[in-house]
Amino acid sequence: MQERAQAAAEAQAQQRIQDEQKSRELAEARQLAEARRPRQMEQPAAADGATDVSARDKLLADLRAPDSLRRAWLLREILGEPVGLQ
């Protein structure tokens, strides 16, 4: 009986060690992915000569134009939270 309890405790300890190792590996993989992400965004434009404009730049350009700003406001009113819930 005592041997079974000891074996179960050892198995739990092994499982805990494995779980901690997996957690460390996932954290390292996440850090590596985060470190690579900015470099991917800074890469030059496509080979066909098209310019690479980020979504943020497109959005800011749209918001500078009065017509686009009106359209954004209208879409927010239509698709946004109902007035009764605001």
PDB file of N, CA and C in Angstrom:
ATOM      1  N   MET A   1       0.821  -1.187   0.000  1.00  0.00           N
ATOM      2  CA  MET A   1       0.000   0.000   0.000  1.00  0.00           C
ATOM      3  C   MET A   1       0.868   1.255   0.000  1.00  0.00           C
ATOM      4  N   GLN A   2       1.886   1.249   0.830  1.00  0.00           N
ATOM      5  CA  GLN A   2       2.779   2.393   0.931  1.00  0.00           C
ATOM      6  C   GLN A   2       3.590   2.562  -0.354  1.00  0.00           C
ATOM      7  N   GLU A   3       3.913   1.465  -1.004  1.00  0.00           N
ATOM      8  CA  GLU A   3       4.661   1.506  -2.259  1.00  0.00           C
ATOM      9  C   GLU A   3       3.837   2.167  -3.350  1.00  0.00           C
ATOM     10  N   ARG A   4       2.541   1.887  -3.375  1.00  0.00           N
ATOM     11  CA  ARG A   4       1.654   2.498  -4.375  1.00  0.00           C
ATOM     12  C   ARG A   4       1.574   4.010  -4.167  1.00  0.00           C
ATOM     13  N   ALA A   5       1.464   4.411  -2.927  1.00  0.00           N
ATOM     14  CA  ALA A   5       1.387   5.840  -2.626  1.00  0.00           C
ATOM     15  C   ALA A   5       2.684   6.540  -3.023  1.00  0.00           C
ATOM     16  N   GLN A   6       3.802   5.871  -2.759  1.00  0.00           N
ATOM     17  CA  GLN A   6       5.092   6.451  -3.113  1.00  0.00           C
ATOM     18  C   GLN A   6       5.235   6.529  -4.630  1.00  0.00           C
ATOM     19  N   ALA A   7       4.801   5.483  -5.337  1.00  0.00           N
ATOM     20  CA  ALA A   7       4.873   5.476  -6.797  1.00  0.00           C
ATOM     21  C   ALA A   7       3.977   6.571  -7.381  1.00  0.00           C
ATOM     22  N   ALA A   8       2.797   6.750  -6.795  1.00  0.00           N
ATOM     23  CA  ALA A   8       1.888   7.797  -7.263  1.00  0.00           C
ATOM     24  C   ALA A   8       2.488   9.177  -7.030  1.00  0.00           C
ATOM     25  N   ALA A   9       3.127   9.375  -5.895  1.00  0.00           N
ATOM     26  CA  ALA A   9       3.760  10.660  -5.582  1.00  0.00           C
ATOM     27  C   ALA A   9       4.906  10.940  -6.553  1.00  0.00           C
ATOM     28  N   GLU A  10       5.678   9.911  -6.872  1.00  0.00           N
ATOM     29  CA  GLU A  10       6.773  10.077  -7.829  1.00  0.00           C
ATOM     30  C   GLU A  10       6.240  10.406  -9.213  1.00  0.00           C
ATOM     31  N   ALA A  11       5.147   9.740  -9.598  1.00  0.00           N
ATOM     32  CA  ALA A  11       4.541  10.016 -10.906  1.00  0.00           C
ATOM     33  C   ALA A  11       4.029  11.450 -10.967  1.00  0.00           C
ATOM     34  N   GLN A  12       3.427  11.927  -9.885  1.00  0.00           N
ATOM     35  CA  GLN A  12       2.947  13.309  -9.850  1.00  0.00           C
ATOM     36  C   GLN A  12       4.108  14.292  -9.928  1.00  0.00           C
ATOM     37  N   ALA A  13       5.192  13.981  -9.243  1.00  0.00           N
ATOM     38  CA  ALA A  13       6.364  14.851  -9.282  1.00  0.00           C
ATOM     39  C   ALA A  13       6.942  14.907 -10.693  1.00  0.00           C
ATOM     40  N   GLN A  14       7.009  13.761 -11.349  1.00  0.00           N
ATOM     41  CA  GLN A  14       7.510  13.707 -12.731  1.00  0.00           C
ATOM     42  C   GLN A  14       6.600  14.521 -13.654  1.00  0.00           C
ATOM     43  N   GLN A  15       5.297  14.373 -13.473  1.00  0.00           N
ATOM     44  CA  GLN A  15       4.344  15.114 -14.306  1.00  0.00           C
ATOM     45  C   GLN A  15       4.491  16.616 -14.091  1.00  0.00           C
ATOM     46  N   ARG A  16       4.674  17.030 -12.853  1.00  0.00           N
ATOM     47  CA  ARG A  16       4.855  18.447 -12.531  1.00  0.00           C
ATOM     48  C   ARG A  16       6.119  18.985 -13.196  1.00  0.00           C
ATOM     49  N   ILE A  17       7.188  18.189 -13.155  1.00  0.00           N
ATOM     50  CA  ILE A  17       8.447  18.602 -13.792  1.00  0.00           C
ATOM     51  C   ILE A  17       8.254  18.751 -15.297  1.00  0.00           C
ATOM     52  N   GLN A  18       7.560  17.793 -15.901  1.00  0.00           N
ATOM     53  CA  GLN A  18       7.297  17.858 -17.342  1.00  0.00           C
ATOM     54  C   GLN A  18       6.443  19.069 -17.689  1.00  0.00           C
ATOM     55  N   ASP A  19       5.434  19.348 -16.874  1.00  0.00           N
ATOM     56  CA  ASP A  19       4.569  20.508 -17.115  1.00  0.00           C
ATOM     57  C   ASP A  19       5.355  21.809 -17.022  1.00  0.00           C
ATOM     58  N   GLU A  20       6.235  21.913 -16.031  1.00  0.00           N
ATOM     59  CA  GLU A  20       7.051  23.110 -15.880  1.00  0.00           C
ATOM     60  C   GLU A  20       7.989  23.287 -17.071  1.00  0.00           C
ATOM     61  N   GLN A  21       8.541  22.182 -17.552  1.00  0.00           N
ATOM     62  CA  GLN A  21       9.437  22.250 -18.703  1.00  0.00           C
ATOM     63  C   GLN A  21       8.667  22.704 -19.942  1.00  0.00           C
ATOM     64  N   LYS A  22       7.459  22.169 -20.134  1.00  0.00           N
ATOM     65  CA  LYS A  22       6.641  22.592 -21.278  1.00  0.00           C
ATOM     66  C   LYS A  22       6.303  24.075 -21.175  1.00  0.00           C
ATOM     67  N   SER A  23       6.011  24.532 -19.969  1.00  0.00           N
ATOM     68  CA  SER A  23       5.702  25.951 -19.776  1.00  0.00           C
ATOM     69  C   SER A  23       6.895  26.823 -20.138  1.00  0.00           C
ATOM     70  N   ARG A  24       8.086  26.413 -19.714  1.00  0.00           N
ATOM     71  CA  ARG A  24       9.292  27.167 -20.057  1.00  0.00           C
ATOM     72  C   ARG A  24       9.512  27.185 -21.564  1.00  0.00           C
ATOM     73  N   GLU A  25       9.325  26.033 -22.210  1.00  0.00           N
ATOM     74  CA  GLU A  25       9.517  25.958 -23.655  1.00  0.00           C
ATOM     75  C   GLU A  25       8.523  26.863 -24.380  1.00  0.00           C
ATOM     76  N   LEU A  26       7.264  26.870 -23.928  1.00  0.00           N
ATOM     77  CA  LEU A  26       6.264  27.737 -24.542  1.00  0.00           C
ATOM     78  C   LEU A  26       6.614  29.209 -24.341  1.00  0.00           C
ATOM     79  N   ALA A  27       7.080  29.559 -23.164  1.00  0.00           N
ATOM     80  CA  ALA A  27       7.462  30.943 -22.895  1.00  0.00           C
ATOM     81  C   ALA A  27       8.634  31.353 -23.791  1.00  0.00           C
ATOM     82  N   GLU A  28       9.598  30.468 -23.953  1.00  0.00           N
ATOM     83  CA  GLU A  28      10.734  30.760 -24.825  1.00  0.00           C
ATOM     84  C   GLU A  28      10.283  30.914 -26.269  1.00  0.00           C
ATOM     85  N   ALA A  29       9.381  30.046 -26.712  1.00  0.00           N
ATOM     86  CA  ALA A  29       8.867  30.132 -28.081  1.00  0.00           C
ATOM     87  C   ALA A  29       8.107  31.445 -28.293  1.00  0.00           C
ATOM     88  N   ARG A  30       7.339  31.859 -27.284  1.00  0.00           N
ATOM     89  CA  ARG A  30       6.597  33.119 -27.367  1.00  0.00           C
ATOM     90  C   ARG A  30       7.559  34.305 -27.463  1.00  0.00           C
ATOM     91  N   GLN A  31       8.594  34.279 -26.643  1.00  0.00           N
ATOM     92  CA  GLN A  31       9.576  35.364 -26.679  1.00  0.00           C
ATOM     93  C   GLN A  31      10.285  35.418 -28.020  1.00  0.00           C
ATOM     94  N   LEU A  32      10.607  34.261 -28.557  1.00  0.00           N
ATOM     95  CA  LEU A  32      11.261  34.199 -29.855  1.00  0.00           C
ATOM     96  C   LEU A  32      10.347  34.739 -30.946  1.00  0.00           C
ATOM     97  N   ALA A  33       9.074  34.380 -30.890  1.00  0.00           N
ATOM     98  CA  ALA A  33       8.112  34.874 -31.878  1.00  0.00           C
ATOM     99  C   ALA A  33       7.958  36.386 -31.764  1.00  0.00           C
ATOM    100  N   GLU A  34       7.910  36.905 -30.546  1.00  0.00           N
ATOM    101  CA  GLU A  34       7.800  38.357 -30.348  1.00  0.00           C
ATOM    102  C   GLU A  34       9.042  39.068 -30.869  1.00  0.00           C
ATOM    103  N   ALA A  35      10.191  38.457 -30.670  1.00  0.00           N
ATOM    104  CA  ALA A  35      11.432  39.064 -31.138  1.00  0.00           C
ATOM    105  C   ALA A  35      11.493  39.087 -32.661  1.00  0.00           C
ATOM    106  N   ARG A  36      10.914  38.105 -33.291  1.00  0.00           N
ATOM    107  CA  ARG A  36      10.938  38.029 -34.761  1.00  0.00           C
ATOM    108  C   ARG A  36       9.879  38.923 -35.396  1.00  0.00           C
ATOM    109  N   ARG A  37       8.783  39.168 -34.700  1.00  0.00           N
ATOM    110  CA  ARG A  37       7.657  39.899 -35.282  1.00  0.00           C
ATOM    111  C   ARG A  37       8.046  41.271 -35.827  1.00  0.00           C
ATOM    112  N   PRO A  38       8.737  42.136 -35.090  1.00  0.00           N
ATOM    113  CA  PRO A  38       9.068  43.452 -35.652  1.00  0.00           C
ATOM    114  C   PRO A  38       9.934  43.362 -36.906  1.00  0.00           C
ATOM    115  N   ARG A  39      10.836  42.413 -36.935  1.00  0.00           N
ATOM    116  CA  ARG A  39      11.681  42.261 -38.120  1.00  0.00           C
ATOM    117  C   ARG A  39      10.859  41.888 -39.338  1.00  0.00           C
ATOM    118  N   GLN A  40       9.839  41.085 -39.176  1.00  0.00           N
ATOM    119  CA  GLN A  40       9.004  40.691 -40.301  1.00  0.00           C
ATOM    120  C   GLN A  40       8.260  41.897 -40.859  1.00  0.00           C
ATOM    121  N   MET A  41       7.849  42.814 -39.998  1.00  0.00           N
ATOM    122  CA  MET A  41       7.112  43.978 -40.454  1.00  0.00           C
ATOM    123  C   MET A  41       8.023  44.980 -41.157  1.00  0.00           C
ATOM    124  N   GLU A  42       9.319  44.957 -40.869  1.00  0.00           N
ATOM    125  CA  GLU A  42      10.254  45.901 -41.450  1.00  0.00           C
ATOM    126  C   GLU A  42      10.832  45.428 -42.782  1.00  0.00           C
ATOM    127  N   GLN A  43      10.461  44.239 -43.232  1.00  0.00           N
ATOM    128  CA  GLN A  43      11.030  43.712 -44.457  1.00  0.00           C
ATOM    129  C   GLN A  43      10.624  44.570 -45.642  1.00  0.00           C
ATOM    130  N   PRO A  44      11.443  44.615 -46.688  1.00  0.00           N
ATOM    131  CA  PRO A  44      11.138  45.452 -47.848  1.00  0.00           C
ATOM    132  C   PRO A  44       9.877  44.993 -48.579  1.00  0.00           C
ATOM    133  N   ALA A  45       9.428  45.838 -49.495  1.00  0.00           N
ATOM    134  CA  ALA A  45       8.208  45.562 -50.257  1.00  0.00           C
ATOM    135  C   ALA A  45       8.361  44.300 -51.097  1.00  0.00           C
ATOM    136  N   ALA A  46       7.236  43.848 -51.608  1.00  0.00           N
ATOM    137  CA  ALA A  46       7.209  42.625 -52.416  1.00  0.00           C
ATOM    138  C   ALA A  46       8.072  42.781 -53.659  1.00  0.00           C
ATOM    139  N   ALA A  47       8.425  41.672 -54.260  1.00  0.00           N
ATOM    140  CA  ALA A  47       9.323  41.663 -55.404  1.00  0.00           C
ATOM    141  C   ALA A  47       8.697  42.306 -56.637  1.00  0.00           C
ATOM    142  N   ASP A  48       7.365  42.394 -56.689  1.00  0.00           N
ATOM    143  CA  ASP A  48       6.717  42.959 -57.868  1.00  0.00           C
ATOM    144  C   ASP A  48       6.780  44.486 -57.904  1.00  0.00           C
ATOM    145  N   GLY A  49       7.401  45.102 -56.905  1.00  0.00           N
ATOM    146  CA  GLY A  49       7.578  46.545 -56.902  1.00  0.00           C
ATOM    147  C   GLY A  49       6.496  47.301 -56.163  1.00  0.00           C
ATOM    148  N   ALA A  50       5.501  46.603 -55.642  1.00  0.00           N
ATOM    149  CA  ALA A  50       4.433  47.277 -54.906  1.00  0.00           C
ATOM    150  C   ALA A  50       4.982  47.802 -53.584  1.00  0.00           C
ATOM    151  N   THR A  51       4.461  48.955 -53.182  1.00  0.00           N
ATOM    152  CA  THR A  51       4.919  49.508 -51.912  1.00  0.00           C
ATOM    153  C   THR A  51       4.166  48.855 -50.779  1.00  0.00           C
ATOM    154  N   ASP A  52       4.860  48.643 -49.684  1.00  0.00           N
ATOM    155  CA  ASP A  52       4.271  47.992 -48.515  1.00  0.00           C
ATOM    156  C   ASP A  52       3.817  49.069 -47.545  1.00  0.00           C
ATOM    157  N   VAL A  53       2.495  49.269 -47.466  1.00  0.00           N
ATOM    158  CA  VAL A  53       1.940  50.271 -46.573  1.00  0.00           C
ATOM    159  C   VAL A  53       1.209  49.535 -45.465  1.00  0.00           C
ATOM    160  N   SER A  54       1.534  49.866 -44.229  1.00  0.00           N
ATOM    161  CA  SER A  54       0.919  49.158 -43.111  1.00  0.00           C
ATOM    162  C   SER A  54      -0.538  49.571 -42.964  1.00  0.00           C
ATOM    163  N   ALA A  55      -1.295  48.750 -42.279  1.00  0.00           N
ATOM    164  CA  ALA A  55      -2.707  49.022 -42.055  1.00  0.00           C
ATOM    165  C   ALA A  55      -2.875  50.296 -41.244  1.00  0.00           C
ATOM    166  N   ARG A  56      -1.952  50.540 -40.309  1.00  0.00           N
ATOM    167  CA  ARG A  56      -2.033  51.757 -39.499  1.00  0.00           C
ATOM    168  C   ARG A  56      -1.891  52.993 -40.375  1.00  0.00           C
ATOM    169  N   ASP A  57      -0.951  52.971 -41.321  1.00  0.00           N
ATOM    170  CA  ASP A  57      -0.761  54.107 -42.211  1.00  0.00           C
ATOM    171  C   ASP A  57      -1.990  54.338 -43.079  1.00  0.00           C
ATOM    172  N   LYS A  58      -2.594  53.245 -43.555  1.00  0.00           N
ATOM    173  CA  LYS A  58      -3.810  53.371 -44.360  1.00  0.00           C
ATOM    174  C   LYS A  58      -4.937  53.983 -43.540  1.00  0.00           C
ATOM    175  N   LEU A  59      -5.075  53.522 -42.309  1.00  0.00           N
ATOM    176  CA  LEU A  59      -6.128  54.042 -41.448  1.00  0.00           C
ATOM    177  C   LEU A  59      -5.924  55.525 -41.171  1.00  0.00           C
ATOM    178  N   LEU A  60      -4.702  55.921 -40.855  1.00  0.00           N
ATOM    179  CA  LEU A  60      -4.427  57.327 -40.589  1.00  0.00           C
ATOM    180  C   LEU A  60      -4.680  58.183 -41.825  1.00  0.00           C
ATOM    181  N   ALA A  61      -4.321  57.674 -43.000  1.00  0.00           N
ATOM    182  CA  ALA A  61      -4.582  58.419 -44.231  1.00  0.00           C
ATOM    183  C   ALA A  61      -6.084  58.559 -44.454  1.00  0.00           C
ATOM    184  N   ASP A  62      -6.846  57.499 -44.169  1.00  0.00           N
ATOM    185  CA  ASP A  62      -8.296  57.570 -44.315  1.00  0.00           C
ATOM    186  C   ASP A  62      -8.897  58.590 -43.362  1.00  0.00           C
ATOM    187  N   LEU A  63      -8.396  58.651 -42.159  1.00  0.00           N
ATOM    188  CA  LEU A  63      -8.966  59.566 -41.172  1.00  0.00           C
ATOM    189  C   LEU A  63      -8.610  61.031 -41.458  1.00  0.00           C
ATOM    190  N   ARG A  64      -7.619  61.273 -42.278  1.00  0.00           N
ATOM    191  CA  ARG A  64      -7.267  62.651 -42.648  1.00  0.00           C
ATOM    192  C   ARG A  64      -8.246  63.214 -43.675  1.00  0.00           C
ATOM    193  N   ALA A  65      -8.836  62.336 -44.479  1.00  0.00           N
ATOM    194  CA  ALA A  65      -9.776  62.787 -45.505  1.00  0.00           C
ATOM    195  C   ALA A  65     -11.160  62.981 -44.884  1.00  0.00           C
ATOM    196  N   PRO A  66     -11.800  64.145 -45.095  1.00  0.00           N
ATOM    197  CA  PRO A  66     -13.106  64.407 -44.486  1.00  0.00           C
ATOM    198  C   PRO A  66     -14.178  63.379 -44.861  1.00  0.00           C
ATOM    199  N   ASP A  67     -14.198  62.952 -46.118  1.00  0.00           N
ATOM    200  CA  ASP A  67     -15.208  61.969 -46.531  1.00  0.00           C
ATOM    201  C   ASP A  67     -15.010  60.641 -45.825  1.00  0.00           C
ATOM    202  N   SER A  68     -13.772  60.227 -45.669  1.00  0.00           N
ATOM    203  CA  SER A  68     -13.490  58.972 -44.977  1.00  0.00           C
ATOM    204  C   SER A  68     -13.853  59.065 -43.505  1.00  0.00           C
ATOM    205  N   LEU A  69     -13.606  60.226 -42.928  1.00  0.00           N
ATOM    206  CA  LEU A  69     -13.950  60.426 -41.528  1.00  0.00           C
ATOM    207  C   LEU A  69     -15.464  60.349 -41.332  1.00  0.00           C
ATOM    208  N   ARG A  70     -16.217  60.940 -42.250  1.00  0.00           N
ATOM    209  CA  ARG A  70     -17.683  60.851 -42.173  1.00  0.00           C
ATOM    210  C   ARG A  70     -18.141  59.403 -42.297  1.00  0.00           C
ATOM    211  N   ARG A  71     -17.522  58.681 -43.225  1.00  0.00           N
ATOM    212  CA  ARG A  71     -17.891  57.274 -43.420  1.00  0.00           C
ATOM    213  C   ARG A  71     -17.568  56.457 -42.170  1.00  0.00           C
ATOM    214  N   ALA A  72     -16.429  56.718 -41.543  1.00  0.00           N
ATOM    215  CA  ALA A  72     -16.053  56.007 -40.325  1.00  0.00           C
ATOM    216  C   ALA A  72     -17.055  56.288 -39.213  1.00  0.00           C
ATOM    217  N   TRP A  73     -17.458  57.545 -39.077  1.00  0.00           N
ATOM    218  CA  TRP A  73     -18.432  57.915 -38.050  1.00  0.00           C
ATOM    219  C   TRP A  73     -19.766  57.214 -38.307  1.00  0.00           C
ATOM    220  N   LEU A  74     -20.207  57.194 -39.552  1.00  0.00           N
ATOM    221  CA  LEU A  74     -21.465  56.544 -39.904  1.00  0.00           C
ATOM    222  C   LEU A  74     -21.402  55.044 -39.629  1.00  0.00           C
ATOM    223  N   LEU A  75     -20.299  54.405 -39.997  1.00  0.00           N
ATOM    224  CA  LEU A  75     -20.147  52.972 -39.739  1.00  0.00           C
ATOM    225  C   LEU A  75     -20.133  52.687 -38.237  1.00  0.00           C
ATOM    226  N   ARG A  76     -19.523  53.572 -37.466  1.00  0.00           N
ATOM    227  CA  ARG A  76     -19.519  53.386 -36.016  1.00  0.00           C
ATOM    228  C   ARG A  76     -20.934  53.476 -35.472  1.00  0.00           C
ATOM    229  N   GLU A  77     -21.706  54.406 -35.976  1.00  0.00           N
ATOM    230  CA  GLU A  77     -23.086  54.558 -35.524  1.00  0.00           C
ATOM    231  C   GLU A  77     -23.922  53.338 -35.901  1.00  0.00           C
ATOM    232  N   ILE A  78     -23.679  52.804 -37.089  1.00  0.00           N
ATOM    233  CA  ILE A  78     -24.458  51.659 -37.568  1.00  0.00           C
ATOM    234  C   ILE A  78     -24.013  50.361 -36.880  1.00  0.00           C
ATOM    235  N   LEU A  79     -22.720  50.130 -36.822  1.00  0.00           N
ATOM    236  CA  LEU A  79     -22.197  48.866 -36.341  1.00  0.00           C
ATOM    237  C   LEU A  79     -21.832  48.876 -34.850  1.00  0.00           C
ATOM    238  N   GLY A  80     -21.795  50.039 -34.248  1.00  0.00           N
ATOM    239  CA  GLY A  80     -21.369  50.152 -32.869  1.00  0.00           C
ATOM    240  C   GLY A  80     -22.459  49.752 -31.884  1.00  0.00           C
ATOM    241  N   GLU A  81     -22.175  50.035 -30.629  1.00  0.00           N
ATOM    242  CA  GLU A  81     -23.089  49.692 -29.543  1.00  0.00           C
ATOM    243  C   GLU A  81     -24.368  50.515 -29.666  1.00  0.00           C
ATOM    244  N   PRO A  82     -25.531  49.900 -29.447  1.00  0.00           N
ATOM    245  CA  PRO A  82     -26.794  50.642 -29.533  1.00  0.00           C
ATOM    246  C   PRO A  82     -26.817  51.794 -28.523  1.00  0.00           C
ATOM    247  N   VAL A  83     -27.476  52.877 -28.883  1.00  0.00           N
ATOM    248  CA  VAL A  83     -27.527  54.063 -28.038  1.00  0.00           C
ATOM    249  C   VAL A  83     -28.129  53.744 -26.681  1.00  0.00           C
ATOM    250  N   GLY A  84     -29.111  52.856 -26.637  1.00  0.00           N
ATOM    251  CA  GLY A  84     -29.749  52.510 -25.383  1.00  0.00           C
ATOM    252  C   GLY A  84     -28.819  51.790 -24.415  1.00  0.00           C
ATOM    253  N   LEU A  85     -27.754  51.199 -24.907  1.00  0.00           N
ATOM    254  CA  LEU A  85     -26.811  50.487 -24.052  1.00  0.00           C
ATOM    255  C   LEU A  85     -25.576  51.308 -23.715  1.00  0.00           C
ATOM    256  N   GLN A  86     -25.477  52.504 -24.253  1.00  0.00           N
ATOM    257  CA  GLN A  86     -24.279  53.320 -24.013  1.00  0.00           C
ATOM    258  C   GLN A  86     -24.293  53.961 -22.661  1.00  0.00           C
TER     259      GLN A  86
END
